[in-house]
C-alpha atoms as a PDB file:
ATOM      1  CA  MET A   1      14.566   2.207 -28.445  1.00  0.00           C
ATOM      2  CA  SER A   2      16.211   1.730 -24.783  1.00  0.00           C
ATOM      3  CA  THR A   3      14.067   2.016 -21.698  1.00  0.00           C
ATOM      4  CA  THR A   4      16.231   3.093 -18.572  1.00  0.00           C
ATOM      5  CA  SER A   5      15.467   1.953 -15.581  1.00  0.00           C
ATOM      6  CA  THR A   6      15.178   4.425 -12.700  1.00  0.00           C
ATOM      7  CA  PRO A   7      13.260   3.796  -8.840  1.00  0.00           C
ATOM      8  CA  SER A   8      10.561   5.784 -10.408  1.00  0.00           C
ATOM      9  CA  ASN A   9      10.280   3.803 -13.384  1.00  0.00           C
ATOM     10  CA  PRO A  10      11.365   0.165 -12.405  1.00  0.00           C
ATOM     11  CA  PRO A  11      12.023  -2.581 -15.516  1.00  0.00           C
ATOM     12  CA  PRO A  12       8.643  -4.038 -15.661  1.00  0.00           C
ATOM     13  CA  ASN A  13       9.441  -7.575 -14.861  1.00  0.00           C
ATOM     14  CA  ARG A  14      10.390  -6.266 -11.582  1.00  0.00           C
ATOM     15  CA  ILE A  15       7.983  -5.624  -8.778  1.00  0.00           C
ATOM     16  CA  HIS A  16      10.555  -5.185  -5.487  1.00  0.00           C
ATOM     17  CA  GLU A  17      14.204  -6.195  -4.671  1.00  0.00           C
ATOM     18  CA  PRO A  18      14.226  -8.384  -1.716  1.00  0.00           C
ATOM     19  CA  GLY A  19      16.206  -7.192   1.229  1.00  0.00           C
ATOM     20  CA  THR A  20      16.818  -3.457  -0.687  1.00  0.00           C
ATOM     21  CA  ALA A  21      15.121   0.053   0.375  1.00  0.00           C
ATOM     22  CA  ASP A  22      13.871  -0.475  -3.006  1.00  0.00           C
ATOM     23  CA  GLY A  23       9.845  -0.325  -2.897  1.00  0.00           C
ATOM     24  CA  TRP A  24       7.153  -2.051  -4.309  1.00  0.00           C
ATOM     25  CA  HIS A  25       5.856  -1.310  -8.167  1.00  0.00           C
ATOM     26  CA  GLY A  26       3.426  -3.828  -8.638  1.00  0.00           C
ATOM     27  CA  VAL A  27      -0.492  -2.637 -10.675  1.00  0.00           C
ATOM     28  CA  ILE A  28      -3.576  -4.323 -10.646  1.00  0.00           C
ATOM     29  CA  GLY A  29      -4.426  -5.374 -13.505  1.00  0.00           C
ATOM     30  CA  PRO A  30      -5.413  -8.064 -16.376  1.00  0.00           C
ATOM     31  CA  GLY A  31      -2.499  -9.791 -17.237  1.00  0.00           C
ATOM     32  CA  SER A  32      -0.547  -8.683 -14.250  1.00  0.00           C
ATOM     33  CA  ALA A  33       0.660 -10.737 -11.340  1.00  0.00           C
ATOM     34  CA  PHE A  34      -1.933  -8.835  -9.490  1.00  0.00           C
ATOM     35  CA  PRO A  35      -5.290  -9.185 -11.225  1.00  0.00           C
ATOM     36  CA  PRO A  36      -8.535  -7.546 -10.206  1.00  0.00           C
ATOM     37  CA  GLU A  37     -10.423  -9.823  -7.981  1.00  0.00           C
ATOM     38  CA  PRO A  38     -13.017  -8.725  -5.483  1.00  0.00           C
ATOM     39  CA  GLY A  39     -12.164  -8.454  -2.076  1.00  0.00           C
ATOM     40  CA  ARG A  40      -8.303  -9.579  -2.864  1.00  0.00           C
ATOM     41  CA  TYR A  41      -6.706  -6.177  -1.919  1.00  0.00           C
ATOM     42  CA  HIS A  42      -6.125  -3.926   0.992  1.00  0.00           C
ATOM     43  CA  LEU A  43      -5.349  -0.484   1.181  1.00  0.00           C
ATOM     44  CA  TYR A  44      -3.571   1.171   3.742  1.00  0.00           C
ATOM     45  CA  ILE A  45      -3.265   4.947   4.249  1.00  0.00           C
ATOM     46  CA  GLY A  46      -2.983   7.809   6.693  1.00  0.00           C
ATOM     47  CA  LEU A  47      -5.491  10.872   6.789  1.00  0.00           C
ATOM     48  CA  PHE A  48      -2.467  13.097   7.086  1.00  0.00           C
ATOM     49  CA  CYS A  49      -0.980  12.055   3.729  1.00  0.00           C
ATOM     50  CA  PRO A  50      -1.775  13.766   0.466  1.00  0.00           C
ATOM     51  CA  PHE A  51      -0.543  11.058  -1.631  1.00  0.00           C
ATOM     52  CA  ALA A  52      -2.508   8.192   0.086  1.00  0.00           C
ATOM     53  CA  HIS A  53      -5.740  10.326   0.090  1.00  0.00           C
ATOM     54  CA  ARG A  54      -5.218  10.470  -3.696  1.00  0.00           C
ATOM     55  CA  ALA A  55      -4.866   6.631  -3.593  1.00  0.00           C
ATOM     56  CA  ASN A  56      -8.100   6.736  -1.589  1.00  0.00           C
ATOM     57  CA  LEU A  57     -10.048   9.022  -3.518  1.00  0.00           C
ATOM     58  CA  VAL A  58      -8.867   6.936  -6.852  1.00  0.00           C
ATOM     59  CA  ARG A  59     -10.291   4.206  -5.013  1.00  0.00           C
ATOM     60  CA  HIS A  60     -14.099   5.933  -3.929  1.00  0.00           C
ATOM     61  CA  LEU A  61     -13.982   7.534  -7.494  1.00  0.00           C
ATOM     62  CA  CYS A  62     -13.960   4.271  -9.512  1.00  0.00           C
ATOM     63  CA  GLY A  63     -16.254   2.633  -7.129  1.00  0.00           C
ATOM     64  CA  LEU A  64     -13.529   0.369  -5.540  1.00  0.00           C
ATOM     65  CA  THR A  65     -14.665   0.891  -1.873  1.00  0.00           C
ATOM     66  CA  GLN A  66     -16.347  -2.395  -2.023  1.00  0.00           C
ATOM     67  CA  LEU A  67     -13.415  -4.813  -3.520  1.00  0.00           C
ATOM     68  CA  ILE A  68     -10.597  -2.516  -1.854  1.00  0.00           C
ATOM     69  CA  ASP A  69     -11.011  -2.469   2.165  1.00  0.00           C
ATOM     70  CA  VAL A  70      -8.670  -0.106   4.051  1.00  0.00           C
ATOM     71  CA  SER A  71      -6.937   0.416   7.481  1.00  0.00           C
ATOM     72  CA  VAL A  72      -5.907   4.247   8.368  1.00  0.00           C
ATOM     73  CA  VAL A  73      -2.514   4.760  10.412  1.00  0.00           C
ATOM     74  CA  MET A  74      -2.422   7.612  12.955  1.00  0.00           C
ATOM     75  CA  PRO A  75       0.026  10.420  12.240  1.00  0.00           C
ATOM     76  CA  TYR A  76       2.336   9.558  14.971  1.00  0.00           C
ATOM     77  CA  PRO A  77       4.654   8.265  15.986  1.00  0.00           C
ATOM     78  CA  LYS A  78       6.271   9.607  13.159  1.00  0.00           C
ATOM     79  CA  GLY A  79       9.536   7.807  13.494  1.00  0.00           C
ATOM     80  CA  ASP A  80      13.057   8.134  12.491  1.00  0.00           C
ATOM     81  CA  GLU A  81      14.653   9.035   8.783  1.00  0.00           C
ATOM     82  CA  LYS A  82      13.588   5.743   8.149  1.00  0.00           C
ATOM     83  CA  GLY A  83      10.493   5.678   9.748  1.00  0.00           C
ATOM     84  CA  TRP A  84      11.375   3.949  12.736  1.00  0.00           C
ATOM     85  CA  PRO A  85       9.036   2.585  14.364  1.00  0.00           C
ATOM     86  CA  GLY A  86       6.831   4.280  12.315  1.00  0.00           C
ATOM     87  CA  TRP A  87       2.893   5.167  11.859  1.00  0.00           C
ATOM     88  CA  ARG A  88       0.936   3.244  14.313  1.00  0.00           C
ATOM     89  CA  PHE A  89      -2.760   1.816  14.142  1.00  0.00           C
ATOM     90  CA  ALA A  90      -5.201   2.945  17.156  1.00  0.00           C
ATOM     91  CA  ARG A  91      -5.816   0.891  19.474  1.00  0.00           C
ATOM     92  CA  SER A  92      -9.732   1.227  19.717  1.00  0.00           C
ATOM     93  CA  GLU A  93     -11.906   2.873  17.242  1.00  0.00           C
ATOM     94  CA  ASP A  94     -12.049   6.179  19.556  1.00  0.00           C
ATOM     95  CA  GLU A  95      -8.183   6.960  19.846  1.00  0.00           C
ATOM     96  CA  TYR A  96      -8.002   9.002  17.057  1.00  0.00           C
ATOM     97  CA  PRO A  97     -10.619  10.514  14.563  1.00  0.00           C
ATOM     98  CA  GLY A  98     -10.223   8.567  11.512  1.00  0.00           C
ATOM     99  CA  ALA A  99      -7.671   5.931  12.382  1.00  0.00           C
ATOM    100  CA  THR A 100      -8.744   2.504  12.394  1.00  0.00           C
ATOM    101  CA  ARG A 101      -6.870  -1.241  13.698  1.00  0.00           C
ATOM    102  CA  ASP A 102      -5.169  -3.058  11.385  1.00  0.00           C
ATOM    103  CA  ALA A 103      -8.311  -4.521   9.973  1.00  0.00           C
ATOM    104  CA  LEU A 104      -6.028  -7.367   7.844  1.00  0.00           C
ATOM    105  CA  PHE A 105      -3.284  -8.572  10.734  1.00  0.00           C
ATOM    106  CA  GLY A 106      -3.825  -6.797  13.898  1.00  0.00           C
ATOM    107  CA  SER A 107      -0.491  -5.147  13.754  1.00  0.00           C
ATOM    108  CA  ALA A 108       0.660  -2.372  16.087  1.00  0.00           C
ATOM    109  CA  TYR A 109       3.044  -0.336  13.679  1.00  0.00           C
ATOM    110  CA  LEU A 110       2.913   0.077  10.011  1.00  0.00           C
ATOM    111  CA  HIS A 111       6.630  -1.493   9.838  1.00  0.00           C
ATOM    112  CA  GLU A 112       4.928  -4.715  11.115  1.00  0.00           C
ATOM    113  CA  VAL A 113       3.262  -4.965   7.638  1.00  0.00           C
ATOM    114  CA  TYR A 114       6.142  -4.293   5.354  1.00  0.00           C
ATOM    115  CA  PHE A 115       8.140  -7.190   7.421  1.00  0.00           C
ATOM    116  CA  ARG A 116       5.363  -9.573   6.597  1.00  0.00           C
ATOM    117  CA  ALA A 117       6.349  -8.960   2.622  1.00  0.00           C
ATOM    118  CA  ASP A 118      10.328  -8.466   3.431  1.00  0.00           C
ATOM    119  CA  LYS A 119      11.631  -9.444   6.524  1.00  0.00           C
ATOM    120  CA  GLU A 120      14.403  -7.644   5.229  1.00  0.00           C
ATOM    121  CA  TYR A 121      13.226  -4.367   3.962  1.00  0.00           C
ATOM    122  CA  LYS A 122      15.508  -1.776   4.225  1.00  0.00           C
ATOM    123  CA  GLY A 123      13.269   1.594   3.172  1.00  0.00           C
ATOM    124  CA  ARG A 124      10.915   3.885   4.691  1.00  0.00           C
ATOM    125  CA  TYR A 125       7.297   2.793   6.457  1.00  0.00           C
ATOM    126  CA  SER A 126       5.241   4.743   4.545  1.00  0.00           C
ATOM    127  CA  VAL A 127       1.800   5.177   2.834  1.00  0.00           C
ATOM    128  CA  PRO A 128      -0.315   4.657   0.673  1.00  0.00           C
ATOM    129  CA  LEU A 129       0.657   0.949   0.468  1.00  0.00           C
ATOM    130  CA  LEU A 130      -1.430  -1.638  -1.232  1.00  0.00           C
ATOM    131  CA  TRP A 131      -1.430  -5.394   0.233  1.00  0.00           C
ATOM    132  CA  ASP A 132      -2.388  -8.492  -1.905  1.00  0.00           C
ATOM    133  CA  LYS A 133      -4.057 -10.632   0.575  1.00  0.00           C
ATOM    134  CA  LYS A 134      -3.968 -13.849  -1.939  1.00  0.00           C
ATOM    135  CA  ALA A 135      -0.417 -13.571  -2.623  1.00  0.00           C
ATOM    136  CA  GLY A 136       0.623 -12.184   0.595  1.00  0.00           C
ATOM    137  CA  THR A 137       2.739  -9.316  -0.387  1.00  0.00           C
ATOM    138  CA  ILE A 138       2.757  -5.989  -1.215  1.00  0.00           C
ATOM    139  CA  VAL A 139       1.382  -4.856  -4.313  1.00  0.00           C
ATOM    140  CA  ASN A 140       2.509  -1.022  -4.401  1.00  0.00           C
ATOM    141  CA  ASN A 141       3.646   1.499  -1.690  1.00  0.00           C
ATOM    142  CA  VAL A 142       5.256   4.530  -4.239  1.00  0.00           C
ATOM    143  CA  ALA A 143       3.504   7.447  -3.790  1.00  0.00           C
ATOM    144  CA  PRO A 144       2.024   8.880  -5.891  1.00  0.00           C
ATOM    145  CA  SER A 145       0.625   5.360  -7.109  1.00  0.00           C
ATOM    146  CA  PRO A 146      -3.134   5.421  -7.316  1.00  0.00           C
ATOM    147  CA  SER A 147      -2.160   3.885 -10.927  1.00  0.00           C
ATOM    148  CA  ALA A 148      -1.866   0.836  -8.961  1.00  0.00           C
ATOM    149  CA  LEU A 149      -5.777   0.200  -8.587  1.00  0.00           C
ATOM    150  CA  PRO A 150      -7.513  -1.028 -11.016  1.00  0.00           C
ATOM    151  CA  ALA A 151      -9.326   1.186 -13.944  1.00  0.00           C
ATOM    152  CA  PRO A 152     -12.744   1.337 -14.142  1.00  0.00           C
ATOM    153  CA  SER A 153     -12.749  -0.643 -17.330  1.00  0.00           C
ATOM    154  CA  THR A 154     -10.609  -3.698 -15.588  1.00  0.00           C
ATOM    155  CA  ARG A 155     -12.936  -3.904 -12.529  1.00  0.00           C
ATOM    156  CA  PRO A 156     -14.280  -7.464 -11.482  1.00  0.00           C
ATOM    157  CA  THR A 157     -18.264  -7.222 -11.661  1.00  0.00           C
END
């Protein structure tokens, strides 16, 4: 049986091809490059994005709010066709309702987080984005991707 690799179905041994527009396709789980560990992951979302809402909803429904912290970008500036310069983080907690500062790096724009993982990244700067604090890279940014979050049965206790 042959498995065809497509952007939505990458080969299982590849998470991201550096320097390309390819997204990140990692999954948190036992035996993966991203094991479930308390406090290891950070989720970037925008309240305007239904895919980011979905990832955040899974985070809440699966009881992962204490394990995966979150930063929320503002819905502007949206950016060009690649998202440049892209969504900005709030400078203060009251600048835009629900938006936050980048709690992990203090970035001004979301693209700065992408460039921490791949300085040559050529794709869009989108949410949701799941960051691995321990490995210092993006786990997953391919929406919809709540499957990147650990299943309740694999959550660390």
